[in-house]
Amino acid sequence: MALDTDKIDEAVLALLLLTRHDHWRAWKGFDWDALSRLHNKGMIADPVNKAKSVVFTEEGLQCAEELFRVMFTKPD
């Protein structure tokens, strides 16, 4: 079975919002390959460092908020 890594990346980006703190940071408890792809797409800063969190880019944070809204909220 072939995986759609773009869909996985969108889900991971949206779920990063659940652990967001200090506005721009989120705990990096997700698959390293997905985090690397998100970095390559410009959504987060380089996840390979000693910090236990990643930093959203401005575009990444906006995308994460929109994806979270679409994927995980109920209609009014």
PDB file of N, CA and C in Angstrom:
ATOM      1  N   MET A   1       0.843  -1.166   0.000  1.00  0.00           N
ATOM      2  CA  MET A   1       0.000   0.000   0.000  1.00  0.00           C
ATOM      3  C   MET A   1       0.896   1.240   0.000  1.00  0.00           C
ATOM      4  N   ALA A   2       0.636   2.119  -0.931  1.00  0.00           N
ATOM      5  CA  ALA A   2       1.400   3.359  -1.030  1.00  0.00           C
ATOM      6  C   ALA A   2       0.783   4.421  -0.122  1.00  0.00           C
ATOM      7  N   LEU A   3       1.626   5.118   0.614  1.00  0.00           N
ATOM      8  CA  LEU A   3       1.160   6.173   1.517  1.00  0.00           C
ATOM      9  C   LEU A   3       1.175   7.526   0.821  1.00  0.00           C
ATOM     10  N   ASP A   4       0.193   8.337   1.123  1.00  0.00           N
ATOM     11  CA  ASP A   4       0.147   9.717   0.633  1.00  0.00           C
ATOM     12  C   ASP A   4       0.818  10.591   1.698  1.00  0.00           C
ATOM     13  N   THR A   5       2.113  10.814   1.540  1.00  0.00           N
ATOM     14  CA  THR A   5       2.861  11.559   2.555  1.00  0.00           C
ATOM     15  C   THR A   5       2.398  13.009   2.675  1.00  0.00           C
ATOM     16  N   ASP A   6       1.829  13.572   1.624  1.00  0.00           N
ATOM     17  CA  ASP A   6       1.313  14.943   1.726  1.00  0.00           C
ATOM     18  C   ASP A   6       0.145  15.004   2.711  1.00  0.00           C
ATOM     19  N   LYS A   7      -0.726  14.002   2.671  1.00  0.00           N
ATOM     20  CA  LYS A   7      -1.845  13.964   3.618  1.00  0.00           C
ATOM     21  C   LYS A   7      -1.342  13.735   5.041  1.00  0.00           C
ATOM     22  N   ILE A   8      -0.342  12.873   5.183  1.00  0.00           N
ATOM     23  CA  ILE A   8       0.261  12.635   6.501  1.00  0.00           C
ATOM     24  C   ILE A   8       0.851  13.934   7.029  1.00  0.00           C
ATOM     25  N   ASP A   9       1.575  14.646   6.178  1.00  0.00           N
ATOM     26  CA  ASP A   9       2.202  15.912   6.585  1.00  0.00           C
ATOM     27  C   ASP A   9       1.157  16.935   7.009  1.00  0.00           C
ATOM     28  N   GLU A  10       0.040  17.000   6.292  1.00  0.00           N
ATOM     29  CA  GLU A  10      -1.022  17.934   6.655  1.00  0.00           C
ATOM     30  C   GLU A  10      -1.598  17.582   8.024  1.00  0.00           C
ATOM     31  N   ALA A  11      -1.803  16.298   8.282  1.00  0.00           N
ATOM     32  CA  ALA A  11      -2.337  15.871   9.575  1.00  0.00           C
ATOM     33  C   ALA A  11      -1.349  16.188  10.699  1.00  0.00           C
ATOM     34  N   VAL A  12      -0.074  15.914  10.479  1.00  0.00           N
ATOM     35  CA  VAL A  12       0.944  16.203  11.495  1.00  0.00           C
ATOM     36  C   VAL A  12       1.010  17.704  11.754  1.00  0.00           C
ATOM     37  N   LEU A  13       1.001  18.497  10.695  1.00  0.00           N
ATOM     38  CA  LEU A  13       1.053  19.953  10.868  1.00  0.00           C
ATOM     39  C   LEU A  13      -0.142  20.439  11.682  1.00  0.00           C
ATOM     40  N   ALA A  14      -1.329  19.937  11.378  1.00  0.00           N
ATOM     41  CA  ALA A  14      -2.527  20.327  12.124  1.00  0.00           C
ATOM     42  C   ALA A  14      -2.427  19.881  13.583  1.00  0.00           C
ATOM     43  N   LEU A  15      -1.957  18.664  13.821  1.00  0.00           N
ATOM     44  CA  LEU A  15      -1.871  18.140  15.178  1.00  0.00           C
ATOM     45  C   LEU A  15      -0.790  18.826  16.015  1.00  0.00           C
ATOM     46  N   LEU A  16       0.204  19.398  15.362  1.00  0.00           N
ATOM     47  CA  LEU A  16       1.217  20.150  16.105  1.00  0.00           C
ATOM     48  C   LEU A  16       0.587  21.284  16.916  1.00  0.00           C
ATOM     49  N   LEU A  17      -0.563  21.794  16.445  1.00  0.00           N
ATOM     50  CA  LEU A  17      -1.241  22.871  17.182  1.00  0.00           C
ATOM     51  C   LEU A  17      -1.667  22.435  18.579  1.00  0.00           C
ATOM     52  N   LEU A  18      -1.918  21.142  18.769  1.00  0.00           N
ATOM     53  CA  LEU A  18      -2.348  20.666  20.080  1.00  0.00           C
ATOM     54  C   LEU A  18      -1.265  20.827  21.139  1.00  0.00           C
ATOM     55  N   THR A  19      -0.016  20.912  20.711  1.00  0.00           N
ATOM     56  CA  THR A  19       1.083  21.046  21.671  1.00  0.00           C
ATOM     57  C   THR A  19       1.778  22.403  21.550  1.00  0.00           C
ATOM     58  N   ARG A  20       1.105  23.349  20.910  1.00  0.00           N
ATOM     59  CA  ARG A  20       1.712  24.675  20.712  1.00  0.00           C
ATOM     60  C   ARG A  20       1.868  25.410  22.035  1.00  0.00           C
ATOM     61  N   HIS A  21       2.974  26.091  22.175  1.00  0.00           N
ATOM     62  CA  HIS A  21       3.248  26.940  23.329  1.00  0.00           C
ATOM     63  C   HIS A  21       4.107  28.102  22.864  1.00  0.00           C
ATOM     64  N   ASP A  22       4.153  29.151  23.631  1.00  0.00           N
ATOM     65  CA  ASP A  22       4.923  30.347  23.265  1.00  0.00           C
ATOM     66  C   ASP A  22       4.608  30.819  21.846  1.00  0.00           C
ATOM     67  N   HIS A  23       3.386  30.646  21.426  1.00  0.00           N
ATOM     68  CA  HIS A  23       2.832  31.055  20.130  1.00  0.00           C
ATOM     69  C   HIS A  23       3.453  30.355  18.920  1.00  0.00           C
ATOM     70  N   TRP A  24       4.753  30.251  18.827  1.00  0.00           N
ATOM     71  CA  TRP A  24       5.419  29.735  17.634  1.00  0.00           C
ATOM     72  C   TRP A  24       5.974  28.322  17.796  1.00  0.00           C
ATOM     73  N   ARG A  25       5.972  27.772  18.993  1.00  0.00           N
ATOM     74  CA  ARG A  25       6.643  26.500  19.244  1.00  0.00           C
ATOM     75  C   ARG A  25       5.624  25.378  19.480  1.00  0.00           C
ATOM     76  N   ALA A  26       6.024  24.143  19.113  1.00  0.00           N
ATOM     77  CA  ALA A  26       5.201  22.952  19.370  1.00  0.00           C
ATOM     78  C   ALA A  26       6.134  21.789  19.685  1.00  0.00           C
ATOM     79  N   TRP A  27       5.706  20.931  20.593  1.00  0.00           N
ATOM     80  CA  TRP A  27       6.514  19.760  20.946  1.00  0.00           C
ATOM     81  C   TRP A  27       6.670  18.859  19.737  1.00  0.00           C
ATOM     82  N   LYS A  28       7.864  18.332  19.543  1.00  0.00           N
ATOM     83  CA  LYS A  28       8.142  17.544  18.340  1.00  0.00           C
ATOM     84  C   LYS A  28       8.037  16.045  18.604  1.00  0.00           C
ATOM     85  N   GLY A  29       6.867  15.606  18.992  1.00  0.00           N
ATOM     86  CA  GLY A  29       6.634  14.199  19.293  1.00  0.00           C
ATOM     87  C   GLY A  29       6.077  13.417  18.124  1.00  0.00           C
ATOM     88  N   PHE A  30       6.376  13.814  16.927  1.00  0.00           N
ATOM     89  CA  PHE A  30       5.864  13.130  15.735  1.00  0.00           C
ATOM     90  C   PHE A  30       7.001  12.480  14.960  1.00  0.00           C
ATOM     91  N   ASP A  31       6.632  11.691  13.993  1.00  0.00           N
ATOM     92  CA  ASP A  31       7.573  10.973  13.139  1.00  0.00           C
ATOM     93  C   ASP A  31       8.626  11.920  12.555  1.00  0.00           C
ATOM     94  N   TRP A  32       9.893  11.527  12.661  1.00  0.00           N
ATOM     95  CA  TRP A  32      10.991  12.381  12.178  1.00  0.00           C
ATOM     96  C   TRP A  32      10.928  12.622  10.678  1.00  0.00           C
ATOM     97  N   ASP A  33      10.500  11.626   9.909  1.00  0.00           N
ATOM     98  CA  ASP A  33      10.398  11.821   8.462  1.00  0.00           C
ATOM     99  C   ASP A  33       9.361  12.890   8.133  1.00  0.00           C
ATOM    100  N   ALA A  34       8.234  12.852   8.830  1.00  0.00           N
ATOM    101  CA  ALA A  34       7.189  13.856   8.599  1.00  0.00           C
ATOM    102  C   ALA A  34       7.687  15.246   8.989  1.00  0.00           C
ATOM    103  N   LEU A  35       8.376  15.341  10.126  1.00  0.00           N
ATOM    104  CA  LEU A  35       8.915  16.642  10.538  1.00  0.00           C
ATOM    105  C   LEU A  35       9.947  17.159   9.541  1.00  0.00           C
ATOM    106  N   SER A  36      10.766  16.274   9.003  1.00  0.00           N
ATOM    107  CA  SER A  36      11.753  16.687   7.990  1.00  0.00           C
ATOM    108  C   SER A  36      11.066  17.187   6.729  1.00  0.00           C
ATOM    109  N   ARG A  37      10.004  16.498   6.325  1.00  0.00           N
ATOM    110  CA  ARG A  37       9.267  16.951   5.130  1.00  0.00           C
ATOM    111  C   ARG A  37       8.633  18.312   5.380  1.00  0.00           C
ATOM    112  N   LEU A  38       8.068  18.514   6.581  1.00  0.00           N
ATOM    113  CA  LEU A  38       7.475  19.815   6.896  1.00  0.00           C
ATOM    114  C   LEU A  38       8.527  20.916   6.885  1.00  0.00           C
ATOM    115  N   HIS A  39       9.713  20.600   7.352  1.00  0.00           N
ATOM    116  CA  HIS A  39      10.812  21.571   7.288  1.00  0.00           C
ATOM    117  C   HIS A  39      11.164  21.875   5.829  1.00  0.00           C
ATOM    118  N   ASN A  40      11.274  20.836   5.013  1.00  0.00           N
ATOM    119  CA  ASN A  40      11.600  21.030   3.591  1.00  0.00           C
ATOM    120  C   ASN A  40      10.529  21.830   2.854  1.00  0.00           C
ATOM    121  N   LYS A  41       9.283  21.758   3.321  1.00  0.00           N
ATOM    122  CA  LYS A  41       8.182  22.519   2.725  1.00  0.00           C
ATOM    123  C   LYS A  41       8.082  23.936   3.286  1.00  0.00           C
ATOM    124  N   GLY A  42       8.941  24.269   4.261  1.00  0.00           N
ATOM    125  CA  GLY A  42       8.953  25.620   4.816  1.00  0.00           C
ATOM    126  C   GLY A  42       7.902  25.866   5.882  1.00  0.00           C
ATOM    127  N   MET A  43       7.341  24.804   6.473  1.00  0.00           N
ATOM    128  CA  MET A  43       6.299  24.960   7.481  1.00  0.00           C
ATOM    129  C   MET A  43       6.854  25.098   8.899  1.00  0.00           C
ATOM    130  N   ILE A  44       8.026  24.488   9.152  1.00  0.00           N
ATOM    131  CA  ILE A  44       8.660  24.564  10.462  1.00  0.00           C
ATOM    132  C   ILE A  44      10.158  24.773  10.279  1.00  0.00           C
ATOM    133  N   ALA A  45      10.791  25.275  11.330  1.00  0.00           N
ATOM    134  CA  ALA A  45      12.248  25.402  11.321  1.00  0.00           C
ATOM    135  C   ALA A  45      12.855  24.004  11.419  1.00  0.00           C
ATOM    136  N   ASP A  46      14.132  23.898  11.199  1.00  0.00           N
ATOM    137  CA  ASP A  46      14.833  22.622  11.211  1.00  0.00           C
ATOM    138  C   ASP A  46      14.586  21.893  12.537  1.00  0.00           C
ATOM    139  N   PRO A  47      13.987  20.693  12.492  1.00  0.00           N
ATOM    140  CA  PRO A  47      13.685  19.973  13.722  1.00  0.00           C
ATOM    141  C   PRO A  47      14.890  19.261  14.333  1.00  0.00           C
ATOM    142  N   VAL A  48      16.000  19.200  13.603  1.00  0.00           N
ATOM    143  CA  VAL A  48      17.175  18.481  14.082  1.00  0.00           C
ATOM    144  C   VAL A  48      18.020  19.421  14.940  1.00  0.00           C
ATOM    145  N   ASN A  49      17.737  19.397  16.232  1.00  0.00           N
ATOM    146  CA  ASN A  49      18.491  20.169  17.215  1.00  0.00           C
ATOM    147  C   ASN A  49      18.181  19.592  18.594  1.00  0.00           C
ATOM    148  N   LYS A  50      18.773  20.144  19.630  1.00  0.00           N
ATOM    149  CA  LYS A  50      18.588  19.605  20.977  1.00  0.00           C
ATOM    150  C   LYS A  50      17.262  20.020  21.616  1.00  0.00           C
ATOM    151  N   ALA A  51      16.606  21.013  21.052  1.00  0.00           N
ATOM    152  CA  ALA A  51      15.337  21.474  21.611  1.00  0.00           C
ATOM    153  C   ALA A  51      14.279  20.377  21.490  1.00  0.00           C
ATOM    154  N   LYS A  52      13.354  20.361  22.437  1.00  0.00           N
ATOM    155  CA  LYS A  52      12.279  19.375  22.414  1.00  0.00           C
ATOM    156  C   LYS A  52      11.059  19.880  21.660  1.00  0.00           C
ATOM    157  N   SER A  53      11.209  21.048  21.049  1.00  0.00           N
ATOM    158  CA  SER A  53      10.105  21.603  20.282  1.00  0.00           C
ATOM    159  C   SER A  53      10.607  22.137  18.944  1.00  0.00           C
ATOM    160  N   VAL A  54       9.658  22.331  18.038  1.00  0.00           N
ATOM    161  CA  VAL A  54       9.954  22.919  16.732  1.00  0.00           C
ATOM    162  C   VAL A  54       9.314  24.296  16.682  1.00  0.00           C
ATOM    163  N   VAL A  55       9.776  25.103  15.764  1.00  0.00           N
ATOM    164  CA  VAL A  55       9.252  26.457  15.598  1.00  0.00           C
ATOM    165  C   VAL A  55       8.500  26.529  14.275  1.00  0.00           C
ATOM    166  N   PHE A  56       7.255  26.978  14.343  1.00  0.00           N
ATOM    167  CA  PHE A  56       6.480  27.209  13.134  1.00  0.00           C
ATOM    168  C   PHE A  56       7.045  28.400  12.374  1.00  0.00           C
ATOM    169  N   THR A  57       7.019  28.330  11.052  1.00  0.00           N
ATOM    170  CA  THR A  57       7.211  29.538  10.261  1.00  0.00           C
ATOM    171  C   THR A  57       5.872  30.263  10.244  1.00  0.00           C
ATOM    172  N   GLU A  58       5.859  31.503   9.804  1.00  0.00           N
ATOM    173  CA  GLU A  58       4.595  32.233   9.729  1.00  0.00           C
ATOM    174  C   GLU A  58       3.609  31.492   8.828  1.00  0.00           C
ATOM    175  N   GLU A  59       4.081  31.058   7.668  1.00  0.00           N
ATOM    176  CA  GLU A  59       3.230  30.309   6.732  1.00  0.00           C
ATOM    177  C   GLU A  59       2.778  28.992   7.357  1.00  0.00           C
ATOM    178  N   GLY A  60       3.680  28.321   8.047  1.00  0.00           N
ATOM    179  CA  GLY A  60       3.354  27.045   8.668  1.00  0.00           C
ATOM    180  C   GLY A  60       2.288  27.168   9.733  1.00  0.00           C
ATOM    181  N   LEU A  61       2.366  28.219  10.540  1.00  0.00           N
ATOM    182  CA  LEU A  61       1.374  28.428  11.584  1.00  0.00           C
ATOM    183  C   LEU A  61       0.005  28.718  10.974  1.00  0.00           C
ATOM    184  N   GLN A  62      -0.032  29.550   9.946  1.00  0.00           N
ATOM    185  CA  GLN A  62      -1.302  29.845   9.276  1.00  0.00           C
ATOM    186  C   GLN A  62      -1.902  28.588   8.664  1.00  0.00           C
ATOM    187  N   CYS A  63      -1.058  27.793   8.009  1.00  0.00           N
ATOM    188  CA  CYS A  63      -1.511  26.532   7.398  1.00  0.00           C
ATOM    189  C   CYS A  63      -2.020  25.578   8.469  1.00  0.00           C
ATOM    190  N   ALA A  64      -1.278  25.449   9.572  1.00  0.00           N
ATOM    191  CA  ALA A  64      -1.656  24.543  10.650  1.00  0.00           C
ATOM    192  C   ALA A  64      -3.014  24.929  11.221  1.00  0.00           C
ATOM    193  N   GLU A  65      -3.225  26.212  11.443  1.00  0.00           N
ATOM    194  CA  GLU A  65      -4.501  26.669  11.995  1.00  0.00           C
ATOM    195  C   GLU A  65      -5.651  26.360  11.049  1.00  0.00           C
ATOM    196  N   GLU A  66      -5.470  26.589   9.766  1.00  0.00           N
ATOM    197  CA  GLU A  66      -6.522  26.309   8.777  1.00  0.00           C
ATOM    198  C   GLU A  66      -6.781  24.813   8.670  1.00  0.00           C
ATOM    199  N   LEU A  67      -5.721  24.020   8.578  1.00  0.00           N
ATOM    200  CA  LEU A  67      -5.892  22.564   8.494  1.00  0.00           C
ATOM    201  C   LEU A  67      -6.575  22.022   9.743  1.00  0.00           C
ATOM    202  N   PHE A  68      -6.202  22.523  10.906  1.00  0.00           N
ATOM    203  CA  PHE A  68      -6.824  22.080  12.147  1.00  0.00           C
ATOM    204  C   PHE A  68      -8.317  22.374  12.126  1.00  0.00           C
ATOM    205  N   ARG A  69      -8.669  23.584  11.685  1.00  0.00           N
ATOM    206  CA  ARG A  69     -10.072  23.994  11.604  1.00  0.00           C
ATOM    207  C   ARG A  69     -10.851  23.047  10.666  1.00  0.00           C
ATOM    208  N   VAL A  70     -10.290  22.778   9.506  1.00  0.00           N
ATOM    209  CA  VAL A  70     -10.961  21.933   8.513  1.00  0.00           C
ATOM    210  C   VAL A  70     -11.063  20.480   8.989  1.00  0.00           C
ATOM    211  N   MET A  71     -10.009  19.956   9.569  1.00  0.00           N
ATOM    212  CA  MET A  71      -9.962  18.535   9.920  1.00  0.00           C
ATOM    213  C   MET A  71     -10.648  18.192  11.230  1.00  0.00           C
ATOM    214  N   PHE A  72     -10.596  19.106  12.214  1.00  0.00           N
ATOM    215  CA  PHE A  72     -10.942  18.689  13.561  1.00  0.00           C
ATOM    216  C   PHE A  72     -12.024  19.502  14.269  1.00  0.00           C
ATOM    217  N   THR A  73     -12.653  20.430  13.591  1.00  0.00           N
ATOM    218  CA  THR A  73     -13.737  21.165  14.249  1.00  0.00           C
ATOM    219  C   THR A  73     -15.083  20.784  13.649  1.00  0.00           C
ATOM    220  N   LYS A  74     -16.101  20.876  14.479  1.00  0.00           N
ATOM    221  CA  LYS A  74     -17.463  20.582  14.044  1.00  0.00           C
ATOM    222  C   LYS A  74     -18.074  21.837  13.446  1.00  0.00           C
ATOM    223  N   PRO A  75     -18.935  21.654  12.436  1.00  0.00           N
ATOM    224  CA  PRO A  75     -19.621  22.824  11.871  1.00  0.00           C
ATOM    225  C   PRO A  75     -20.572  23.439  12.915  1.00  0.00           C
ATOM    226  N   ASP A  76     -20.808  24.725  12.801  1.00  0.00           N
ATOM    227  CA  ASP A  76     -21.706  25.420  13.760  1.00  0.00           C
ATOM    228  C   ASP A  76     -23.106  24.954  13.652  1.00  0.00           C
TER     229      ASP A  76
END
